[in-house]
Amino acid sequence: MASKDRILRQKEETRTNILEAAYAIVKEEGWQGLSMRKIADKIEYTAPIIYEYFSNKDAILRELTGKGFMKLGRELESAKAKFEKPEEQIEAMWMAYWDFAFTDTEMYQVMFGVQMNCCSEQCDASKTPYKLFTSVIAEIMKSSNPTEEVIKQKYFTFFSVIHGLIAINIINKSDIMATINAQILKDAIGGIIKSIQ
């Protein structure tokens, strides 16, 4: 029994090492630099060993995407928990979303397809941010008894503006733009909140 546990633990460690190596390569070289051979070289394994854990590069991207959405979900929940008023929660959550995009830019890129193809298969974890945001939007709008469709539209209003600003900043990195866009972000969040109250 102990040897089975040890084997399972070793397999999980190898899987984790593969994902960590893949992400380290991406941080150094960008997504276009990622290959199964480079991952194998980085962890000092042969490429066929990598294929025992992941069928191809897309499988690694899907796994990393899922981990990214789980991390983003935790950060959004943490931001929400700091406030009681839904208007303050939604602002804190969108600011946490913005911060995530720039502290973990490569992960954001694969999750949302900025300057690359995102994974074609959506993972279950990708629904978490949407559910967190729409629950707070519904709370803000509860006096008008909005339909799910209206709540969804308001979410996509927020998402379109904020994701657009993030994409602009990722593609055109500039300290001046970052400062301007930070103010635009705050103004946009505030304006959208006022429109849904």
Protein backbone atom coordinates (compact mmCIF):
# COMPACT_ATOMS: atom_id res chain seq x y z
CA MET A 1 0.00 0.00 0.00
CA ALA A 2 2.80 2.40 0.89
CA SER A 3 4.50 1.81 -2.47
CA LYS A 4 1.24 2.55 -4.35
CA ASP A 5 0.89 5.82 -2.43
CA ARG A 6 4.52 6.66 -3.19
CA ILE A 7 4.03 5.94 -6.91
CA LEU A 8 0.89 8.09 -7.03
CA ARG A 9 2.70 10.87 -5.18
CA GLN A 10 5.63 10.67 -7.62
CA LYS A 11 3.27 10.79 -10.61
CA GLU A 12 1.54 13.87 -9.20
CA GLU A 13 4.92 15.51 -8.51
CA THR A 14 6.03 14.81 -12.08
CA ARG A 15 2.78 16.25 -13.44
CA THR A 16 3.24 19.36 -11.28
CA ASN A 17 6.88 19.66 -12.39
CA ILE A 18 5.81 19.51 -16.04
CA LEU A 19 3.27 22.32 -15.53
CA GLU A 20 5.72 24.45 -13.54
CA ALA A 21 8.41 23.96 -16.19
CA ALA A 22 5.96 24.87 -18.95
CA TYR A 23 4.97 28.05 -17.18
CA ALA A 24 8.59 28.96 -16.42
CA ILE A 25 9.39 28.63 -20.15
CA VAL A 26 6.43 30.82 -20.99
CA LYS A 27 7.57 33.48 -18.49
CA GLU A 28 11.02 33.48 -20.13
CA GLU A 29 10.13 33.08 -23.81
CA GLY A 30 6.42 33.73 -24.20
CA TRP A 31 3.76 31.25 -25.31
CA GLN A 32 5.30 30.87 -28.76
CA GLY A 33 8.46 29.47 -27.09
CA LEU A 34 6.67 26.59 -25.40
CA SER A 35 7.27 23.08 -26.74
CA MET A 36 7.14 19.58 -25.34
CA ARG A 37 10.88 19.18 -26.03
CA LYS A 38 11.74 22.35 -24.07
CA ILE A 39 9.63 21.16 -21.15
CA ALA A 40 11.40 17.79 -21.19
CA ASP A 41 14.80 19.49 -21.30
CA LYS A 42 13.90 21.81 -18.44
CA ILE A 43 12.93 18.99 -16.07
CA GLU A 44 15.62 16.66 -17.45
CA TYR A 45 13.21 14.03 -18.77
CA THR A 46 12.73 12.65 -22.24
CA ALA A 47 9.87 14.00 -24.36
CA PRO A 48 8.00 10.63 -24.31
CA ILE A 49 7.71 10.94 -20.52
CA ILE A 50 5.94 14.29 -20.97
CA TYR A 51 3.52 12.62 -23.40
CA GLU A 52 2.64 10.04 -20.74
CA TYR A 53 1.12 12.88 -18.71
CA PHE A 54 -0.15 15.23 -21.43
CA SER A 55 -1.14 14.13 -24.93
CA ASN A 56 0.06 17.38 -26.50
CA LYS A 57 0.84 21.02 -25.88
CA ASP A 58 -2.87 21.93 -25.96
CA ALA A 59 -3.49 19.58 -23.04
CA ILE A 60 -0.89 21.50 -21.04
CA LEU A 61 -2.48 24.80 -22.06
CA ARG A 62 -5.91 23.55 -20.95
CA GLU A 63 -4.51 22.46 -17.60
CA LEU A 64 -2.77 25.80 -17.08
CA THR A 65 -5.93 27.63 -18.13
CA GLY A 66 -7.92 25.76 -15.49
CA LYS A 67 -5.34 26.60 -12.84
CA GLY A 68 -5.44 30.24 -13.94
CA PHE A 69 -9.23 30.44 -13.60
CA MET A 70 -9.07 28.81 -10.18
CA LYS A 71 -6.46 31.35 -9.06
CA LEU A 72 -8.48 34.25 -10.48
CA GLY A 73 -11.60 32.94 -8.73
CA ARG A 74 -9.78 32.86 -5.38
CA GLU A 75 -8.52 36.41 -5.89
CA LEU A 76 -12.01 37.65 -6.76
CA GLU A 77 -13.51 35.94 -3.72
CA SER A 78 -10.82 37.50 -1.53
CA ALA A 79 -11.50 40.98 -2.95
CA LYS A 80 -15.25 40.55 -2.47
CA ALA A 81 -14.84 39.41 1.13
CA LYS A 82 -13.16 42.69 2.09
CA PHE A 83 -16.38 44.67 1.63
CA GLU A 84 -20.02 44.34 2.62
CA LYS A 85 -21.70 46.72 0.16
CA PRO A 86 -22.13 45.10 -3.26
CA GLU A 87 -21.07 48.32 -5.02
CA GLU A 88 -17.75 48.23 -3.17
CA GLN A 89 -17.44 44.49 -3.73
CA ILE A 90 -17.84 44.78 -7.50
CA GLU A 91 -15.28 47.58 -7.72
CA ALA A 92 -12.79 45.61 -5.61
CA MET A 93 -13.40 42.51 -7.70
CA TRP A 94 -12.78 44.29 -11.01
CA MET A 95 -9.66 45.90 -9.58
CA ALA A 96 -8.46 42.43 -8.49
CA TYR A 97 -9.23 41.18 -12.00
CA TRP A 98 -7.13 44.04 -13.43
CA ASP A 99 -4.29 43.29 -11.01
CA PHE A 100 -4.39 39.59 -11.90
CA ALA A 101 -4.05 40.45 -15.59
CA PHE A 102 -0.84 42.39 -14.96
CA THR A 103 0.74 40.31 -12.20
CA ASP A 104 0.14 37.09 -14.13
CA THR A 105 0.01 38.41 -17.70
CA GLU A 106 1.03 35.18 -19.40
CA MET A 107 -1.70 33.28 -17.59
CA TYR A 108 -4.25 35.95 -18.51
CA GLN A 109 -3.16 35.68 -22.14
CA VAL A 110 -3.84 31.95 -22.33
CA MET A 111 -7.09 32.25 -20.39
CA PHE A 112 -8.55 34.96 -22.63
CA GLY A 113 -6.61 34.65 -25.89
CA VAL A 114 -4.71 37.94 -25.80
CA GLN A 115 -2.01 37.83 -28.52
CA MET A 116 -2.45 34.06 -28.82
CA ASN A 117 -5.08 31.40 -29.28
CA CYS A 118 -6.76 30.47 -26.06
CA CYS A 119 -7.71 26.91 -25.39
CA SER A 120 -10.59 25.85 -27.56
CA GLU A 121 -12.09 23.73 -24.79
CA GLN A 122 -13.51 25.71 -21.92
CA CYS A 123 -12.77 24.38 -18.48
CA ASP A 124 -15.34 24.30 -15.69
CA ALA A 125 -13.25 26.71 -13.63
CA SER A 126 -13.74 29.41 -16.30
CA LYS A 127 -17.32 29.83 -15.07
CA THR A 128 -16.27 30.87 -11.56
CA PRO A 129 -15.43 34.54 -12.28
CA TYR A 130 -18.65 34.95 -14.26
CA LYS A 131 -20.73 33.49 -11.42
CA LEU A 132 -18.99 35.66 -8.80
CA PHE A 133 -19.47 38.86 -10.79
CA THR A 134 -23.08 38.18 -11.78
CA SER A 135 -24.09 37.37 -8.21
CA VAL A 136 -22.84 40.78 -7.05
CA ILE A 137 -24.42 42.54 -10.05
CA ALA A 138 -27.73 40.85 -9.18
CA GLU A 139 -27.38 42.10 -5.60
CA ILE A 140 -26.75 45.67 -6.79
CA MET A 141 -29.77 45.51 -9.10
CA LYS A 142 -32.13 43.59 -6.79
CA SER A 143 -34.54 46.51 -6.33
CA SER A 144 -35.33 46.45 -10.07
CA ASN A 145 -35.77 42.65 -10.09
CA PRO A 146 -33.60 42.12 -13.20
CA THR A 147 -33.82 39.04 -15.40
CA GLU A 148 -30.81 36.77 -15.83
CA GLU A 149 -30.42 38.19 -19.33
CA VAL A 150 -30.15 41.77 -18.02
CA ILE A 151 -27.61 40.70 -15.40
CA LYS A 152 -25.62 38.92 -18.10
CA GLN A 153 -25.69 42.06 -20.29
CA LYS A 154 -24.40 44.18 -17.40
CA TYR A 155 -21.61 41.66 -16.75
CA PHE A 156 -20.55 41.83 -20.40
CA THR A 157 -20.63 45.63 -20.27
CA PHE A 158 -18.10 45.51 -17.44
CA PHE A 159 -16.10 42.71 -19.07
CA SER A 160 -15.91 44.41 -22.47
CA VAL A 161 -14.54 47.65 -21.08
CA ILE A 162 -12.12 46.10 -18.61
CA HIS A 163 -10.86 43.30 -20.84
CA GLY A 164 -10.45 45.83 -23.65
CA LEU A 165 -8.30 48.08 -21.47
CA ILE A 166 -6.25 45.10 -20.34
CA ALA A 167 -5.69 43.92 -23.91
CA ILE A 168 -4.63 47.43 -24.99
CA ASN A 169 -2.14 47.58 -22.14
CA ILE A 170 -0.73 44.11 -22.79
CA ILE A 171 -0.30 44.76 -26.50
CA ASN A 172 0.99 48.35 -26.16
CA LYS A 173 3.03 48.34 -22.97
CA SER A 174 3.63 51.88 -21.77
CA ASP A 175 3.95 53.42 -18.33
CA ILE A 176 1.99 56.47 -19.49
CA MET A 177 -0.85 54.31 -20.87
CA ALA A 178 -0.91 52.25 -17.68
CA THR A 179 -1.46 55.37 -15.59
CA ILE A 180 -4.12 56.75 -17.94
CA ASN A 181 -5.87 53.40 -18.22
CA ALA A 182 -5.91 52.94 -14.45
CA GLN A 183 -7.95 56.16 -14.23
CA ILE A 184 -10.14 55.12 -17.17
CA LEU A 185 -10.73 51.80 -15.41
CA LYS A 186 -11.87 53.47 -12.19
CA ASP A 187 -14.10 55.88 -14.12
CA ALA A 188 -15.61 53.03 -16.16
CA ILE A 189 -16.31 50.86 -13.13
CA GLY A 190 -17.87 53.80 -11.30
CA GLY A 191 -20.00 54.76 -14.33
CA ILE A 192 -21.27 51.23 -14.88
CA ILE A 193 -22.09 50.81 -11.18
CA LYS A 194 -24.13 54.04 -11.28
CA SER A 195 -25.98 52.84 -14.37
CA ILE A 196 -27.12 49.62 -12.68
CA GLN A 197 -28.13 50.96 -9.28
